[in-house]
PDB file of all heavy atoms in Angstrom:
ATOM      1  N   VAL A   1       6.595   0.078  -0.172  1.00  0.00           N
ATOM      2  CA  VAL A   1       6.195   1.209  -1.013  1.00  0.00           C
ATOM      3  C   VAL A   1       7.104   1.275  -2.236  1.00  0.00           C
ATOM      4  O   VAL A   1       8.323   1.382  -2.097  1.00  0.00           O
ATOM      5  CB  VAL A   1       6.261   2.535  -0.224  1.00  0.00           C
ATOM      6  CG1 VAL A   1       5.815   3.693  -1.103  1.00  0.00           C
ATOM      7  CG2 VAL A   1       5.426   2.455   1.049  1.00  0.00           C
ATOM      8  N   SER A   2       6.544   1.177  -3.400  1.00  0.00           N
ATOM      9  CA  SER A   2       7.152   1.257  -4.727  1.00  0.00           C
ATOM     10  C   SER A   2       7.499  -0.136  -5.241  1.00  0.00           C
ATOM     11  O   SER A   2       7.558  -1.107  -4.477  1.00  0.00           O
ATOM     12  CB  SER A   2       8.385   2.161  -4.770  1.00  0.00           C
ATOM     13  OG  SER A   2       9.553   1.475  -4.356  1.00  0.00           O
ATOM     14  N   ASP A   3       7.743  -0.211  -6.528  1.00  0.00           N
ATOM     15  CA  ASP A   3       8.042  -1.507  -7.131  1.00  0.00           C
ATOM     16  C   ASP A   3       9.329  -2.107  -6.592  1.00  0.00           C
ATOM     17  O   ASP A   3       9.527  -3.313  -6.642  1.00  0.00           O
ATOM     18  CB  ASP A   3       8.045  -1.420  -8.657  1.00  0.00           C
ATOM     19  CG  ASP A   3       9.036  -0.426  -9.212  1.00  0.00           C
ATOM     20  OD1 ASP A   3       9.630   0.345  -8.440  1.00  0.00           O
ATOM     21  OD2 ASP A   3       9.215  -0.418 -10.446  1.00  0.00           O
ATOM     22  N   ARG A   4      10.219  -1.280  -6.039  1.00  0.00           N
ATOM     23  CA  ARG A   4      11.446  -1.819  -5.411  1.00  0.00           C
ATOM     24  C   ARG A   4      11.106  -2.740  -4.252  1.00  0.00           C
ATOM     25  O   ARG A   4      11.840  -3.671  -3.946  1.00  0.00           O
ATOM     26  CB  ARG A   4      12.337  -0.694  -4.888  1.00  0.00           C
ATOM     27  CG  ARG A   4      12.983   0.130  -5.959  1.00  0.00           C
ATOM     28  CD  ARG A   4      13.827   1.193  -5.338  1.00  0.00           C
ATOM     29  NE  ARG A   4      12.965   2.037  -4.496  1.00  0.00           N
ATOM     30  CZ  ARG A   4      13.315   3.181  -3.985  1.00  0.00           C
ATOM     31  NH1 ARG A   4      14.512   3.646  -4.170  1.00  0.00           N
ATOM     32  NH2 ARG A   4      12.467   3.885  -3.253  1.00  0.00           N
ATOM     33  N   ALA A   5       9.992  -2.498  -3.592  1.00  0.00           N
ATOM     34  CA  ALA A   5       9.597  -3.292  -2.424  1.00  0.00           C
ATOM     35  C   ALA A   5       9.048  -4.664  -2.803  1.00  0.00           C
ATOM     36  O   ALA A   5       8.847  -5.505  -1.931  1.00  0.00           O
ATOM     37  CB  ALA A   5       8.581  -2.522  -1.592  1.00  0.00           C
ATOM     38  N   LEU A   6       8.826  -4.905  -4.089  1.00  0.00           N
ATOM     39  CA  LEU A   6       8.334  -6.216  -4.514  1.00  0.00           C
ATOM     40  C   LEU A   6       9.332  -7.323  -4.170  1.00  0.00           C
ATOM     41  O   LEU A   6       8.952  -8.466  -3.963  1.00  0.00           O
ATOM     42  CB  LEU A   6       8.043  -6.226  -6.011  1.00  0.00           C
ATOM     43  CG  LEU A   6       6.801  -5.443  -6.439  1.00  0.00           C
ATOM     44  CD1 LEU A   6       6.782  -5.266  -7.954  1.00  0.00           C
ATOM     45  CD2 LEU A   6       5.539  -6.128  -5.945  1.00  0.00           C
ATOM     46  N   ALA A   7      10.604  -6.978  -4.089  1.00  0.00           N
ATOM     47  CA  ALA A   7      11.647  -7.958  -3.786  1.00  0.00           C
ATOM     48  C   ALA A   7      11.876  -8.127  -2.287  1.00  0.00           C
ATOM     49  O   ALA A   7      12.818  -8.792  -1.881  1.00  0.00           O
ATOM     50  CB  ALA A   7      12.950  -7.546  -4.472  1.00  0.00           C
ATOM     51  N   THR A   8      11.031  -7.534  -1.463  1.00  0.00           N
ATOM     52  CA  THR A   8      11.168  -7.634  -0.011  1.00  0.00           C
ATOM     53  C   THR A   8      10.120  -8.588   0.560  1.00  0.00           C
ATOM     54  O   THR A   8       9.251  -9.062  -0.158  1.00  0.00           O
ATOM     55  CB  THR A   8      10.993  -6.257   0.665  1.00  0.00           C
ATOM     56  OG1 THR A   8       9.609  -5.876   0.598  1.00  0.00           O
ATOM     57  CG2 THR A   8      11.869  -5.191   0.024  1.00  0.00           C
ATOM     58  N   GLY A   9      10.195  -8.804   1.840  1.00  0.00           N
ATOM     59  CA  GLY A   9       9.222  -9.647   2.521  1.00  0.00           C
ATOM     60  C   GLY A   9       8.036  -8.882   3.064  1.00  0.00           C
ATOM     61  O   GLY A   9       7.383  -9.341   4.005  1.00  0.00           O
ATOM     62  N   ALA A  10       7.726  -7.717   2.488  1.00  0.00           N
ATOM     63  CA  ALA A  10       6.579  -6.928   2.938  1.00  0.00           C
ATOM     64  C   ALA A  10       5.290  -7.719   2.768  1.00  0.00           C
ATOM     65  O   ALA A  10       5.155  -8.508   1.825  1.00  0.00           O
ATOM     66  CB  ALA A  10       6.496  -5.614   2.165  1.00  0.00           C
ATOM     67  N   ASP A  11       4.348  -7.500   3.678  1.00  0.00           N
ATOM     68  CA  ASP A  11       3.062  -8.191   3.617  1.00  0.00           C
ATOM     69  C   ASP A  11       2.229  -7.745   2.423  1.00  0.00           C
ATOM     70  O   ASP A  11       1.457  -8.526   1.863  1.00  0.00           O
ATOM     71  CB  ASP A  11       2.257  -7.919   4.899  1.00  0.00           C
ATOM     72  CG  ASP A  11       2.985  -8.396   6.135  1.00  0.00           C
ATOM     73  OD1 ASP A  11       3.478  -9.543   6.139  1.00  0.00           O
ATOM     74  OD2 ASP A  11       3.065  -7.617   7.106  1.00  0.00           O
ATOM     75  N   LEU A  12       2.374  -6.504   2.056  1.00  0.00           N
ATOM     76  CA  LEU A  12       1.600  -5.869   0.993  1.00  0.00           C
ATOM     77  C   LEU A  12       2.523  -4.858   0.335  1.00  0.00           C
ATOM     78  O   LEU A  12       3.349  -4.254   1.019  1.00  0.00           O
ATOM     79  CB  LEU A  12       0.388  -5.162   1.622  1.00  0.00           C
ATOM     80  CG  LEU A  12      -0.471  -4.244   0.780  1.00  0.00           C
ATOM     81  CD1 LEU A  12      -1.292  -5.067  -0.204  1.00  0.00           C
ATOM     82  CD2 LEU A  12      -1.409  -3.457   1.681  1.00  0.00           C
ATOM     83  N   VAL A  13       2.419  -4.688  -0.965  1.00  0.00           N
ATOM     84  CA  VAL A  13       3.242  -3.701  -1.666  1.00  0.00           C
ATOM     85  C   VAL A  13       2.324  -2.777  -2.452  1.00  0.00           C
ATOM     86  O   VAL A  13       1.407  -3.239  -3.141  1.00  0.00           O
ATOM     87  CB  VAL A  13       4.276  -4.366  -2.601  1.00  0.00           C
ATOM     88  CG1 VAL A  13       5.109  -3.320  -3.317  1.00  0.00           C
ATOM     89  CG2 VAL A  13       5.181  -5.321  -1.825  1.00  0.00           C
ATOM     90  N   ILE A  14       2.581  -1.465  -2.316  1.00  0.00           N
ATOM     91  CA  ILE A  14       1.775  -0.450  -2.992  1.00  0.00           C
ATOM     92  C   ILE A  14       2.669   0.419  -3.873  1.00  0.00           C
ATOM     93  O   ILE A  14       3.882   0.486  -3.679  1.00  0.00           O
ATOM     94  CB  ILE A  14       1.017   0.416  -1.968  1.00  0.00           C
ATOM     95  CG1 ILE A  14       1.984   1.113  -1.009  1.00  0.00           C
ATOM     96  CG2 ILE A  14       0.008  -0.426  -1.201  1.00  0.00           C
ATOM     97  CD1 ILE A  14       1.346   2.080  -0.027  1.00  0.00           C
ATOM     98  N   ASN A  15       2.037   1.087  -4.856  1.00  0.00           N
ATOM     99  CA  ASN A  15       2.780   1.996  -5.731  1.00  0.00           C
ATOM    100  C   ASN A  15       3.389   3.149  -4.959  1.00  0.00           C
ATOM    101  O   ASN A  15       4.571   3.451  -5.087  1.00  0.00           O
ATOM    102  CB  ASN A  15       1.847   2.592  -6.801  1.00  0.00           C
ATOM    103  CG  ASN A  15       1.631   1.675  -7.956  1.00  0.00           C
ATOM    104  OD1 ASN A  15       2.567   1.113  -8.494  1.00  0.00           O
ATOM    105  ND2 ASN A  15       0.377   1.508  -8.336  1.00  0.00           N
ATOM    106  N   ASP A  16       2.549   3.821  -4.196  1.00  0.00           N
ATOM    107  CA  ASP A  16       2.949   5.021  -3.462  1.00  0.00           C
ATOM    108  C   ASP A  16       1.951   5.253  -2.337  1.00  0.00           C
ATOM    109  O   ASP A  16       1.088   4.418  -2.094  1.00  0.00           O
ATOM    110  CB  ASP A  16       3.042   6.234  -4.392  1.00  0.00           C
ATOM    111  CG  ASP A  16       1.762   6.477  -5.173  1.00  0.00           C
ATOM    112  OD1 ASP A  16       0.655   6.314  -4.605  1.00  0.00           O
ATOM    113  OD2 ASP A  16       1.851   6.844  -6.357  1.00  0.00           O
ATOM    114  N   LEU A  17       2.064   6.371  -1.673  1.00  0.00           N
ATOM    115  CA  LEU A  17       1.211   6.643  -0.515  1.00  0.00           C
ATOM    116  C   LEU A  17      -0.073   7.390  -0.863  1.00  0.00           C
ATOM    117  O   LEU A  17      -0.852   7.715   0.033  1.00  0.00           O
ATOM    118  CB  LEU A  17       2.008   7.435   0.534  1.00  0.00           C
ATOM    119  CG  LEU A  17       3.259   6.735   1.054  1.00  0.00           C
ATOM    120  CD1 LEU A  17       4.034   7.659   1.980  1.00  0.00           C
ATOM    121  CD2 LEU A  17       2.922   5.433   1.744  1.00  0.00           C
ATOM    122  N   SER A  18      -0.327   7.615  -2.141  1.00  0.00           N
ATOM    123  CA  SER A  18      -1.517   8.373  -2.521  1.00  0.00           C
ATOM    124  C   SER A  18      -2.791   7.593  -2.230  1.00  0.00           C
ATOM    125  O   SER A  18      -2.848   6.371  -2.386  1.00  0.00           O
ATOM    126  CB  SER A  18      -1.458   8.765  -3.999  1.00  0.00           C
ATOM    127  OG  SER A  18      -1.439   7.620  -4.815  1.00  0.00           O
ATOM    128  N   GLY A  19      -3.788   8.299  -1.761  1.00  0.00           N
ATOM    129  CA  GLY A  19      -5.091   7.721  -1.511  1.00  0.00           C
ATOM    130  C   GLY A  19      -5.225   6.960  -0.207  1.00  0.00           C
ATOM    131  O   GLY A  19      -6.308   6.477   0.115  1.00  0.00           O
ATOM    132  N   ILE A  20      -4.161   6.844   0.555  1.00  0.00           N
ATOM    133  CA  ILE A  20      -4.216   6.105   1.813  1.00  0.00           C
ATOM    134  C   ILE A  20      -4.816   7.001   2.892  1.00  0.00           C
ATOM    135  O   ILE A  20      -4.446   8.165   3.025  1.00  0.00           O
ATOM    136  CB  ILE A  20      -2.816   5.634   2.235  1.00  0.00           C
ATOM    137  CG1 ILE A  20      -2.290   4.627   1.213  1.00  0.00           C
ATOM    138  CG2 ILE A  20      -2.841   5.022   3.629  1.00  0.00           C
ATOM    139  CD1 ILE A  20      -0.864   4.228   1.447  1.00  0.00           C
ATOM    140  N   THR A  21      -5.743   6.437   3.640  1.00  0.00           N
ATOM    141  CA  THR A  21      -6.344   7.178   4.747  1.00  0.00           C
ATOM    142  C   THR A  21      -6.401   6.285   5.980  1.00  0.00           C
ATOM    143  O   THR A  21      -6.365   5.060   5.876  1.00  0.00           O
ATOM    144  CB  THR A  21      -7.766   7.661   4.413  1.00  0.00           C
ATOM    145  OG1 THR A  21      -8.580   6.522   4.106  1.00  0.00           O
ATOM    146  CG2 THR A  21      -7.774   8.633   3.241  1.00  0.00           C
ATOM    147  N   PHE A  22      -6.481   6.932   7.134  1.00  0.00           N
ATOM    148  CA  PHE A  22      -6.664   6.234   8.401  1.00  0.00           C
ATOM    149  C   PHE A  22      -7.715   7.009   9.163  1.00  0.00           C
ATOM    150  O   PHE A  22      -7.536   8.178   9.482  1.00  0.00           O
ATOM    151  CB  PHE A  22      -5.352   6.175   9.192  1.00  0.00           C
ATOM    152  CG  PHE A  22      -5.471   5.393  10.461  1.00  0.00           C
ATOM    153  CD1 PHE A  22      -5.487   4.003  10.435  1.00  0.00           C
ATOM    154  CD2 PHE A  22      -5.584   6.032  11.674  1.00  0.00           C
ATOM    155  CE1 PHE A  22      -5.600   3.270  11.609  1.00  0.00           C
ATOM    156  CE2 PHE A  22      -5.693   5.312  12.852  1.00  0.00           C
ATOM    157  CZ  PHE A  22      -5.705   3.922  12.823  1.00  0.00           C
ATOM    158  N   SER A  23      -8.837   6.352   9.408  1.00  0.00           N
ATOM    159  CA  SER A  23      -9.942   7.019  10.078  1.00  0.00           C
ATOM    160  C   SER A  23     -10.702   6.018  10.934  1.00  0.00           C
ATOM    161  O   SER A  23     -10.956   4.890  10.492  1.00  0.00           O
ATOM    162  CB  SER A  23     -10.868   7.639   9.028  1.00  0.00           C
ATOM    163  OG  SER A  23     -11.971   8.270   9.634  1.00  0.00           O
ATOM    164  N   ASN A  24     -11.051   6.429  12.136  1.00  0.00           N
ATOM    165  CA  ASN A  24     -11.820   5.575  13.046  1.00  0.00           C
ATOM    166  C   ASN A  24     -11.177   4.205  13.228  1.00  0.00           C
ATOM    167  O   ASN A  24     -11.852   3.178  13.257  1.00  0.00           O
ATOM    168  CB  ASN A  24     -13.262   5.432  12.572  1.00  0.00           C
ATOM    169  CG  ASN A  24     -13.993   6.746  12.545  1.00  0.00           C
ATOM    170  OD1 ASN A  24     -13.813   7.577  13.420  1.00  0.00           O
ATOM    171  ND2 ASN A  24     -14.808   6.943  11.530  1.00  0.00           N
ATOM    172  N   GLY A  25      -9.843   4.193  13.305  1.00  0.00           N
ATOM    173  CA  GLY A  25      -9.132   2.944  13.529  1.00  0.00           C
ATOM    174  C   GLY A  25      -9.008   2.047  12.320  1.00  0.00           C
ATOM    175  O   GLY A  25      -8.555   0.911  12.436  1.00  0.00           O
ATOM    176  N   GLN A  26      -9.383   2.538  11.144  1.00  0.00           N
ATOM    177  CA  GLN A  26      -9.331   1.738   9.922  1.00  0.00           C
ATOM    178  C   GLN A  26      -8.348   2.329   8.918  1.00  0.00           C
ATOM    179  O   GLN A  26      -8.410   3.516   8.601  1.00  0.00           O
ATOM    180  CB  GLN A  26     -10.714   1.668   9.270  1.00  0.00           C
ATOM    181  CG  GLN A  26     -11.753   0.953  10.103  1.00  0.00           C
ATOM    182  CD  GLN A  26     -11.462  -0.531  10.234  1.00  0.00           C
ATOM    183  OE1 GLN A  26     -11.152  -1.204   9.262  1.00  0.00           O
ATOM    184  NE2 GLN A  26     -11.557  -1.034  11.453  1.00  0.00           N
ATOM    185  N   LEU A  27      -7.449   1.487   8.428  1.00  0.00           N
ATOM    186  CA  LEU A  27      -6.515   1.866   7.376  1.00  0.00           C
ATOM    187  C   LEU A  27      -7.138   1.490   6.039  1.00  0.00           C
ATOM    188  O   LEU A  27      -7.580   0.354   5.845  1.00  0.00           O
ATOM    189  CB  LEU A  27      -5.195   1.121   7.567  1.00  0.00           C
ATOM    190  CG  LEU A  27      -4.114   1.372   6.519  1.00  0.00           C
ATOM    191  CD1 LEU A  27      -3.635   2.822   6.596  1.00  0.00           C
ATOM    192  CD2 LEU A  27      -2.949   0.417   6.736  1.00  0.00           C
ATOM    193  N   TYR A  28      -7.191   2.458   5.125  1.00  0.00           N
ATOM    194  CA  TYR A  28      -7.754   2.216   3.808  1.00  0.00           C
ATOM    195  C   TYR A  28      -6.674   2.447   2.759  1.00  0.00           C
ATOM    196  O   TYR A  28      -6.048   3.507   2.727  1.00  0.00           O
ATOM    197  CB  TYR A  28      -8.952   3.132   3.524  1.00  0.00           C
ATOM    198  CG  TYR A  28      -9.428   3.035   2.102  1.00  0.00           C
ATOM    199  CD1 TYR A  28     -10.163   1.928   1.670  1.00  0.00           C
ATOM    200  CD2 TYR A  28      -9.108   4.011   1.179  1.00  0.00           C
ATOM    201  CE1 TYR A  28     -10.584   1.809   0.359  1.00  0.00           C
ATOM    202  CE2 TYR A  28      -9.514   3.910  -0.139  1.00  0.00           C
ATOM    203  CZ  TYR A  28     -10.252   2.806  -0.545  1.00  0.00           C
ATOM    204  OH  TYR A  28     -10.649   2.694  -1.853  1.00  0.00           O
ATOM    205  N   ILE A  29      -6.481   1.438   1.910  1.00  0.00           N
ATOM    206  CA  ILE A  29      -5.542   1.523   0.787  1.00  0.00           C
ATOM    207  C   ILE A  29      -6.324   1.188  -0.468  1.00  0.00           C
ATOM    208  O   ILE A  29      -6.870   0.071  -0.581  1.00  0.00           O
ATOM    209  CB  ILE A  29      -4.364   0.559   0.955  1.00  0.00           C
ATOM    210  CG1 ILE A  29      -3.593   0.901   2.232  1.00  0.00           C
ATOM    211  CG2 ILE A  29      -3.448   0.594  -0.270  1.00  0.00           C
ATOM    212  CD1 ILE A  29      -2.529  -0.095   2.612  1.00  0.00           C
ATOM    213  N   PRO A  30      -6.413   2.110  -1.415  1.00  0.00           N
ATOM    214  CA  PRO A  30      -7.176   1.837  -2.645  1.00  0.00           C
ATOM    215  C   PRO A  30      -6.613   0.619  -3.392  1.00  0.00           C
ATOM    216  O   PRO A  30      -5.402   0.468  -3.524  1.00  0.00           O
ATOM    217  CB  PRO A  30      -6.992   3.104  -3.480  1.00  0.00           C
ATOM    218  CG  PRO A  30      -6.517   4.151  -2.528  1.00  0.00           C
ATOM    219  CD  PRO A  30      -5.811   3.439  -1.428  1.00  0.00           C
ATOM    220  N   ASP A  31      -7.490  -0.242  -3.849  1.00  0.00           N
ATOM    221  CA  ASP A  31      -7.073  -1.434  -4.572  1.00  0.00           C
ATOM    222  C   ASP A  31      -6.180  -1.106  -5.762  1.00  0.00           C
ATOM    223  O   ASP A  31      -5.223  -1.834  -6.057  1.00  0.00           O
ATOM    224  CB  ASP A  31      -8.277  -2.244  -5.055  1.00  0.00           C
ATOM    225  CG  ASP A  31      -8.974  -2.977  -3.933  1.00  0.00           C
ATOM    226  OD1 ASP A  31      -8.343  -3.232  -2.870  1.00  0.00           O
ATOM    227  OD2 ASP A  31     -10.174  -3.308  -4.083  1.00  0.00           O
ATOM    228  N   GLU A  32      -6.477  -0.019  -6.449  1.00  0.00           N
ATOM    229  CA  GLU A  32      -5.698   0.328  -7.640  1.00  0.00           C
ATOM    230  C   GLU A  32      -4.258   0.751  -7.299  1.00  0.00           C
ATOM    231  O   GLU A  32      -3.425   0.862  -8.190  1.00  0.00           O
ATOM    232  CB  GLU A  32      -6.392   1.425  -8.460  1.00  0.00           C
ATOM    233  CG  GLU A  32      -6.597   2.734  -7.732  1.00  0.00           C
ATOM    234  CD  GLU A  32      -7.916   2.824  -6.956  1.00  0.00           C
ATOM    235  OE1 GLU A  32      -8.591   1.803  -6.760  1.00  0.00           O
ATOM    236  OE2 GLU A  32      -8.242   3.925  -6.526  1.00  0.00           O
ATOM    237  N   ASN A  33      -3.970   0.959  -6.036  1.00  0.00           N
ATOM    238  CA  ASN A  33      -2.625   1.334  -5.611  1.00  0.00           C
ATOM    239  C   ASN A  33      -1.794   0.112  -5.212  1.00  0.00           C
ATOM    240  O   ASN A  33      -0.612   0.215  -4.968  1.00  0.00           O
ATOM    241  CB  ASN A  33      -2.699   2.324  -4.437  1.00  0.00           C
ATOM    242  CG  ASN A  33      -1.413   3.091  -4.241  1.00  0.00           C
ATOM    243  OD1 ASN A  33      -0.474   2.971  -5.019  1.00  0.00           O
ATOM    244  ND2 ASN A  33      -1.353   3.873  -3.196  1.00  0.00           N
ATOM    245  N   ARG A  34      -2.401  -1.041  -5.159  1.00  0.00           N
ATOM    246  CA  ARG A  34      -1.710  -2.253  -4.712  1.00  0.00           C
ATOM    247  C   ARG A  34      -0.944  -2.917  -5.847  1.00  0.00           C
ATOM    248  O   ARG A  34      -1.481  -3.120  -6.929  1.00  0.00           O
ATOM    249  CB  ARG A  34      -2.718  -3.241  -4.127  1.00  0.00           C
ATOM    250  CG  ARG A  34      -3.409  -2.713  -2.894  1.00  0.00           C
ATOM    251  CD  ARG A  34      -4.510  -3.659  -2.445  1.00  0.00           C
ATOM    252  NE  ARG A  34      -5.288  -3.037  -1.385  1.00  0.00           N
ATOM    253  CZ  ARG A  34      -5.524  -3.606  -0.198  1.00  0.00           C
ATOM    254  NH1 ARG A  34      -5.069  -4.806   0.046  1.00  0.00           N
ATOM    255  NH2 ARG A  34      -6.228  -2.985   0.690  1.00  0.00           N
ATOM    256  N   LEU A  35       0.306  -3.267  -5.565  1.00  0.00           N
ATOM    257  CA  LEU A  35       1.120  -4.014  -6.526  1.00  0.00           C
ATOM    258  C   LEU A  35       1.136  -5.504  -6.192  1.00  0.00           C
ATOM    259  O   LEU A  35       1.296  -6.339  -7.067  1.00  0.00           O
ATOM    260  CB  LEU A  35       2.558  -3.488  -6.535  1.00  0.00           C
ATOM    261  CG  LEU A  35       2.753  -2.049  -7.010  1.00  0.00           C
ATOM    262  CD1 LEU A  35       4.189  -1.627  -6.849  1.00  0.00           C
ATOM    263  CD2 LEU A  35       2.324  -1.933  -8.466  1.00  0.00           C
ATOM    264  N   ARG A  36       1.035  -5.802  -4.907  1.00  0.00           N
ATOM    265  CA  ARG A  36       1.029  -7.204  -4.453  1.00  0.00           C
ATOM    266  C   ARG A  36       0.318  -7.286  -3.126  1.00  0.00           C
ATOM    267  O   ARG A  36       0.429  -6.489  -2.268  1.00  0.00           O
ATOM    268  CB  ARG A  36       2.458  -7.716  -4.298  1.00  0.00           C
ATOM    269  CG  ARG A  36       2.527  -9.145  -3.764  1.00  0.00           C
ATOM    270  CD  ARG A  36       3.906  -9.585  -3.506  1.00  0.00           C
ATOM    271  NE  ARG A  36       4.440  -8.677  -2.466  1.00  0.00           N
ATOM    272  CZ  ARG A  36       5.531  -8.903  -1.773  1.00  0.00           C
ATOM    273  NH1 ARG A  36       6.239  -9.929  -2.004  1.00  0.00           N
ATOM    274  NH2 ARG A  36       5.934  -8.064  -0.860  1.00  0.00           N
TER     275      ARG A  36
END
């Protein structure tokens, strides 16, 4: 989470937690929130 995480081994990096939902066993992250 955040541009600081770009230097980590995270599988996916996002700007922030806005727009993220979890429903019916599905995690949704808006594409526009993804940094990597």
